[in-house]
């Protein structure tokens, strides 16, 4: 392979790389423009199925009955766990206090 052919091949490879880089740049600029032009209204998502709902929706669930049922189960489970997290350590402290008071008296 002559020097001329090597230079020609290298030039073609470089030109191809430059075309690819320019194409990637144009595509990324186009995507950035599309993202800037894409506007949505302010919203939040259902905590069960993640469908968009209005911001003022309380509790944060959609109007689906299944979602309401699942949210109710989650809420009752959370409340039960909160009670247990305070009640069981309280009982343990009470038992320790009774043992300490019983041993000294």
N, C-alpha and C. Protein backbone atom coordinates (compact mmCIF):
# COMPACT_ATOMS: atom_id res chain seq x y z
N UNK A 1 0.86 -1.14 0.00
CA UNK A 1 0.00 0.00 0.00
C UNK A 1 0.92 1.23 0.00
N UNK A 2 0.62 2.11 -0.90
CA UNK A 2 1.47 3.30 -1.02
C UNK A 2 1.10 4.34 0.02
N UNK A 3 1.97 5.30 0.18
CA UNK A 3 1.74 6.36 1.15
C UNK A 3 0.49 7.17 0.79
N UNK A 4 0.29 7.37 -0.49
CA UNK A 4 -0.87 8.13 -0.95
C UNK A 4 -2.17 7.43 -0.54
N UNK A 5 -2.21 6.09 -0.68
CA UNK A 5 -3.41 5.33 -0.31
C UNK A 5 -3.65 5.38 1.19
N UNK A 6 -2.56 5.31 1.98
CA UNK A 6 -2.68 5.38 3.43
C UNK A 6 -3.28 6.73 3.85
N UNK A 7 -2.77 7.80 3.23
CA UNK A 7 -3.27 9.13 3.56
C UNK A 7 -4.72 9.27 3.15
N UNK A 8 -5.07 8.73 1.99
CA UNK A 8 -6.45 8.81 1.50
C UNK A 8 -7.40 8.04 2.43
N UNK A 9 -6.98 6.86 2.86
CA UNK A 9 -7.79 6.06 3.77
C UNK A 9 -7.98 6.78 5.11
N UNK A 10 -6.90 7.33 5.62
CA UNK A 10 -6.97 8.05 6.89
C UNK A 10 -7.90 9.26 6.76
N UNK A 11 -7.84 9.96 5.63
CA UNK A 11 -8.69 11.12 5.40
C UNK A 11 -10.16 10.69 5.33
N UNK A 12 -10.43 9.58 4.66
CA UNK A 12 -11.80 9.09 4.58
C UNK A 12 -12.33 8.67 5.96
N UNK A 13 -11.48 8.02 6.75
CA UNK A 13 -11.88 7.60 8.09
C UNK A 13 -12.16 8.83 8.96
N UNK A 14 -11.29 9.83 8.87
CA UNK A 14 -11.48 11.05 9.65
C UNK A 14 -12.75 11.78 9.22
N UNK A 15 -13.00 11.83 7.92
CA UNK A 15 -14.22 12.48 7.42
C UNK A 15 -15.46 11.75 7.92
N UNK A 16 -15.42 10.43 7.93
CA UNK A 16 -16.55 9.64 8.43
C UNK A 16 -16.79 9.89 9.91
N UNK A 17 -15.71 9.96 10.69
CA UNK A 17 -15.84 10.24 12.11
C UNK A 17 -16.40 11.64 12.35
N UNK A 18 -15.97 12.60 11.52
CA UNK A 18 -16.48 13.97 11.66
C UNK A 18 -17.96 14.03 11.34
N UNK A 19 -18.39 13.29 10.31
CA UNK A 19 -19.81 13.25 9.96
C UNK A 19 -20.63 12.64 11.10
N UNK A 20 -20.12 11.56 11.69
CA UNK A 20 -20.83 10.93 12.80
C UNK A 20 -20.93 11.87 14.01
N UNK A 21 -19.84 12.56 14.32
CA UNK A 21 -19.86 13.50 15.44
C UNK A 21 -20.84 14.63 15.19
N UNK A 22 -20.88 15.15 13.97
CA UNK A 22 -21.81 16.22 13.63
C UNK A 22 -23.25 15.73 13.74
N UNK A 23 -23.50 14.50 13.31
CA UNK A 23 -24.84 13.92 13.38
C UNK A 23 -25.27 13.76 14.84
N UNK A 24 -24.37 13.27 15.69
CA UNK A 24 -24.69 13.12 17.11
C UNK A 24 -24.99 14.48 17.73
N UNK A 25 -24.20 15.49 17.35
CA UNK A 25 -24.41 16.84 17.88
C UNK A 25 -25.77 17.38 17.46
N UNK A 26 -26.14 17.21 16.18
CA UNK A 26 -27.44 17.68 15.69
C UNK A 26 -28.58 16.97 16.40
N UNK A 27 -28.42 15.65 16.59
CA UNK A 27 -29.46 14.88 17.25
C UNK A 27 -29.63 15.32 18.70
N UNK A 28 -28.52 15.55 19.40
CA UNK A 28 -28.64 15.97 20.80
C UNK A 28 -29.25 17.37 20.90
N UNK A 29 -28.91 18.26 19.98
CA UNK A 29 -29.51 19.60 19.98
C UNK A 29 -31.00 19.53 19.69
N UNK A 30 -31.39 18.66 18.77
CA UNK A 30 -32.80 18.49 18.44
C UNK A 30 -33.58 17.96 19.65
N UNK A 31 -33.00 16.98 20.35
CA UNK A 31 -33.66 16.44 21.54
C UNK A 31 -33.77 17.50 22.63
N UNK A 32 -32.74 18.32 22.78
CA UNK A 32 -32.78 19.38 23.79
C UNK A 32 -33.87 20.39 23.45
N UNK A 33 -34.02 20.73 22.18
CA UNK A 33 -35.08 21.66 21.76
C UNK A 33 -36.45 21.06 22.05
N UNK A 34 -36.61 19.77 21.74
CA UNK A 34 -37.90 19.12 21.98
C UNK A 34 -38.23 19.10 23.47
N UNK A 35 -37.23 18.86 24.32
CA UNK A 35 -37.47 18.83 25.76
C UNK A 35 -37.87 20.21 26.28
N UNK A 36 -37.24 21.25 25.75
CA UNK A 36 -37.58 22.60 26.18
C UNK A 36 -38.99 22.97 25.76
N UNK A 37 -39.41 22.52 24.58
CA UNK A 37 -40.73 22.86 24.07
C UNK A 37 -41.83 22.02 24.70
N UNK A 38 -41.48 20.90 25.33
CA UNK A 38 -42.47 20.00 25.92
C UNK A 38 -42.87 20.55 27.28
N UNK A 39 -44.11 20.97 27.41
CA UNK A 39 -44.58 21.54 28.67
C UNK A 39 -45.73 20.70 29.21
N UNK A 40 -45.69 20.42 30.50
CA UNK A 40 -46.78 19.69 31.14
C UNK A 40 -47.33 20.54 32.26
N UNK A 41 -48.55 20.28 32.61
CA UNK A 41 -49.14 20.99 33.74
C UNK A 41 -48.59 20.39 35.03
N UNK A 42 -48.61 21.15 36.08
CA UNK A 42 -48.13 20.67 37.36
C UNK A 42 -49.04 19.55 37.86
N UNK A 43 -48.44 18.44 38.25
CA UNK A 43 -49.22 17.30 38.70
C UNK A 43 -48.38 16.47 39.66
N UNK A 44 -49.03 15.51 40.29
CA UNK A 44 -48.33 14.51 41.09
C UNK A 44 -48.80 13.16 40.61
N UNK A 45 -48.31 12.08 41.21
CA UNK A 45 -48.65 10.74 40.74
C UNK A 45 -49.31 9.94 41.85
N UNK A 46 -50.20 9.07 41.44
CA UNK A 46 -50.87 8.17 42.36
C UNK A 46 -49.80 7.34 43.07
N UNK A 47 -49.89 7.20 44.38
CA UNK A 47 -48.87 6.47 45.12
C UNK A 47 -48.97 4.96 44.92
N UNK A 48 -50.01 4.49 44.26
CA UNK A 48 -50.17 3.06 44.03
C UNK A 48 -49.82 2.70 42.58
N UNK A 49 -50.47 3.35 41.61
CA UNK A 49 -50.29 2.95 40.21
C UNK A 49 -49.49 3.97 39.40
N UNK A 50 -49.13 5.10 39.99
CA UNK A 50 -48.29 6.13 39.37
C UNK A 50 -48.91 6.84 38.19
N UNK A 51 -50.23 6.88 38.10
CA UNK A 51 -50.87 7.68 37.05
C UNK A 51 -50.91 9.14 37.49
N UNK A 52 -50.83 10.08 36.56
CA UNK A 52 -50.86 11.50 36.94
C UNK A 52 -52.20 11.89 37.56
N UNK A 53 -52.13 12.65 38.64
CA UNK A 53 -53.33 13.17 39.32
C UNK A 53 -53.10 14.64 39.65
N UNK A 54 -54.15 15.40 39.93
CA UNK A 54 -53.97 16.83 40.27
C UNK A 54 -53.17 17.01 41.56
N UNK A 55 -52.55 18.17 41.68
CA UNK A 55 -51.72 18.47 42.85
C UNK A 55 -52.51 18.47 44.16
N UNK A 56 -53.76 18.92 44.13
CA UNK A 56 -54.52 19.06 45.36
C UNK A 56 -55.21 17.77 45.80
N UNK A 57 -54.99 16.69 45.12
CA UNK A 57 -55.62 15.40 45.45
C UNK A 57 -55.06 14.88 46.77
N UNK A 58 -55.94 14.63 47.74
CA UNK A 58 -55.51 14.14 49.04
C UNK A 58 -56.47 13.07 49.51
N UNK A 59 -56.11 11.86 49.79
CA UNK A 59 -54.78 11.28 49.73
C UNK A 59 -54.29 11.15 48.29
N UNK A 60 -53.00 10.98 48.10
CA UNK A 60 -52.46 10.99 46.74
C UNK A 60 -52.72 9.70 45.96
N UNK A 61 -53.99 9.45 45.68
CA UNK A 61 -54.35 8.27 44.89
C UNK A 61 -55.35 8.68 43.82
N UNK A 62 -55.40 7.89 42.75
CA UNK A 62 -56.34 8.18 41.67
C UNK A 62 -57.74 7.71 42.07
N UNK A 63 -58.68 7.82 41.18
CA UNK A 63 -60.07 7.49 41.50
C UNK A 63 -60.37 6.00 41.37
N UNK A 64 -59.39 5.18 41.08
CA UNK A 64 -59.58 3.74 40.93
C UNK A 64 -59.85 3.10 42.29
N UNK A 65 -60.84 2.21 42.36
CA UNK A 65 -61.22 1.57 43.63
C UNK A 65 -60.09 0.67 44.15
N UNK A 66 -59.38 0.00 43.25
CA UNK A 66 -58.26 -0.86 43.67
C UNK A 66 -57.18 -0.05 44.36
N UNK A 67 -56.89 1.12 43.81
CA UNK A 67 -55.87 1.99 44.40
C UNK A 67 -56.30 2.46 45.78
N UNK A 68 -57.57 2.79 45.93
CA UNK A 68 -58.08 3.23 47.23
C UNK A 68 -57.97 2.11 48.26
N UNK A 69 -58.30 0.90 47.85
CA UNK A 69 -58.23 -0.25 48.75
C UNK A 69 -56.78 -0.52 49.17
N UNK A 70 -55.86 -0.50 48.19
CA UNK A 70 -54.45 -0.75 48.51
C UNK A 70 -53.90 0.35 49.42
N UNK A 71 -54.29 1.59 49.18
CA UNK A 71 -53.83 2.70 50.01
C UNK A 71 -54.36 2.54 51.43
N UNK A 72 -55.59 2.11 51.58
CA UNK A 72 -56.18 1.90 52.90
C UNK A 72 -55.42 0.81 53.65
N UNK A 73 -55.08 -0.28 52.97
CA UNK A 73 -54.31 -1.36 53.60
C UNK A 73 -52.93 -0.88 54.02
N UNK A 74 -52.28 -0.12 53.16
CA UNK A 74 -50.95 0.41 53.48
C UNK A 74 -51.01 1.33 54.69
N UNK A 75 -52.02 2.17 54.74
CA UNK A 75 -52.16 3.13 55.83
C UNK A 75 -52.40 2.42 57.16
N UNK A 76 -53.27 1.41 57.15
CA UNK A 76 -53.53 0.69 58.41
C UNK A 76 -52.29 -0.10 58.84
N UNK A 77 -51.57 -0.66 57.90
CA UNK A 77 -50.34 -1.37 58.23
C UNK A 77 -49.30 -0.42 58.82
N UNK A 78 -49.21 0.78 58.27
CA UNK A 78 -48.25 1.78 58.76
C UNK A 78 -48.61 2.20 60.18
N UNK A 79 -49.90 2.39 60.43
CA UNK A 79 -50.34 2.79 61.78
C UNK A 79 -50.05 1.68 62.78
N UNK A 80 -50.31 0.43 62.40
CA UNK A 80 -50.06 -0.70 63.28
C UNK A 80 -48.57 -0.81 63.61
N UNK A 81 -47.72 -0.61 62.61
CA UNK A 81 -46.28 -0.66 62.81
C UNK A 81 -45.81 0.45 63.74
N UNK A 82 -46.38 1.63 63.60
CA UNK A 82 -46.02 2.75 64.47
C UNK A 82 -46.37 2.45 65.91
N UNK A 83 -47.53 1.87 66.15
CA UNK A 83 -47.95 1.52 67.50
C UNK A 83 -46.99 0.47 68.07
N UNK A 84 -46.65 -0.54 67.28
CA UNK A 84 -45.75 -1.58 67.76
C UNK A 84 -44.35 -1.04 68.06
N UNK A 85 -43.88 -0.11 67.26
CA UNK A 85 -42.55 0.45 67.48
C UNK A 85 -42.46 1.22 68.79
N UNK A 86 -43.56 1.78 69.28
CA UNK A 86 -43.57 2.46 70.57
C UNK A 86 -43.97 1.54 71.72
N UNK A 87 -44.88 0.62 71.46
CA UNK A 87 -45.42 -0.22 72.52
C UNK A 87 -44.41 -1.27 73.01
N UNK A 88 -43.77 -1.99 72.11
CA UNK A 88 -42.86 -3.07 72.51
C UNK A 88 -41.65 -2.57 73.28
N UNK A 89 -40.97 -1.52 72.86
CA UNK A 89 -39.87 -1.01 73.70
C UNK A 89 -40.38 -0.50 75.05
N UNK A 90 -41.57 0.09 75.08
CA UNK A 90 -42.15 0.55 76.35
C UNK A 90 -42.38 -0.61 77.30
N UNK A 91 -42.89 -1.71 76.81
CA UNK A 91 -43.13 -2.90 77.64
C UNK A 91 -41.80 -3.44 78.15
N UNK A 92 -40.79 -3.48 77.27
CA UNK A 92 -39.47 -3.99 77.68
C UNK A 92 -38.88 -3.11 78.78
N UNK A 93 -38.99 -1.81 78.65
CA UNK A 93 -38.47 -0.90 79.68
C UNK A 93 -39.24 -1.09 80.99
N UNK A 94 -40.55 -1.27 80.90
CA UNK A 94 -41.36 -1.50 82.08
C UNK A 94 -40.94 -2.78 82.79
N UNK A 95 -40.69 -3.85 82.06
CA UNK A 95 -40.26 -5.12 82.67
C UNK A 95 -38.90 -4.97 83.35
N UNK A 96 -37.99 -4.26 82.71
CA UNK A 96 -36.69 -4.03 83.32
C UNK A 96 -36.84 -3.22 84.59
N UNK A 97 -37.67 -2.21 84.57
CA UNK A 97 -37.89 -1.38 85.77
C UNK A 97 -38.48 -2.22 86.90
N UNK A 98 -39.44 -3.09 86.59
CA UNK A 98 -40.04 -3.96 87.61
C UNK A 98 -39.00 -4.88 88.22
N UNK A 99 -38.11 -5.42 87.40
CA UNK A 99 -37.06 -6.31 87.92
C UNK A 99 -36.10 -5.56 88.82
N UNK A 100 -35.75 -4.34 88.41
CA UNK A 100 -34.82 -3.54 89.21
C UNK A 100 -35.46 -3.17 90.54
N UNK A 101 -36.74 -2.75 90.49
CA UNK A 101 -37.43 -2.38 91.71
C UNK A 101 -37.70 -3.60 92.60
N UNK A 102 -37.98 -4.72 92.03
CA UNK A 102 -38.25 -5.94 92.79
C UNK A 102 -37.00 -6.48 93.46
N UNK A 103 -35.85 -6.33 92.81
CA UNK A 103 -34.59 -6.83 93.37
C UNK A 103 -34.11 -5.98 94.53
N UNK A 104 -34.41 -4.70 94.52
CA UNK A 104 -33.92 -3.80 95.57
C UNK A 104 -34.85 -3.77 96.78
N UNK A 105 -36.07 -4.23 96.65
CA UNK A 105 -37.04 -4.09 97.73
C UNK A 105 -37.19 -5.27 98.53
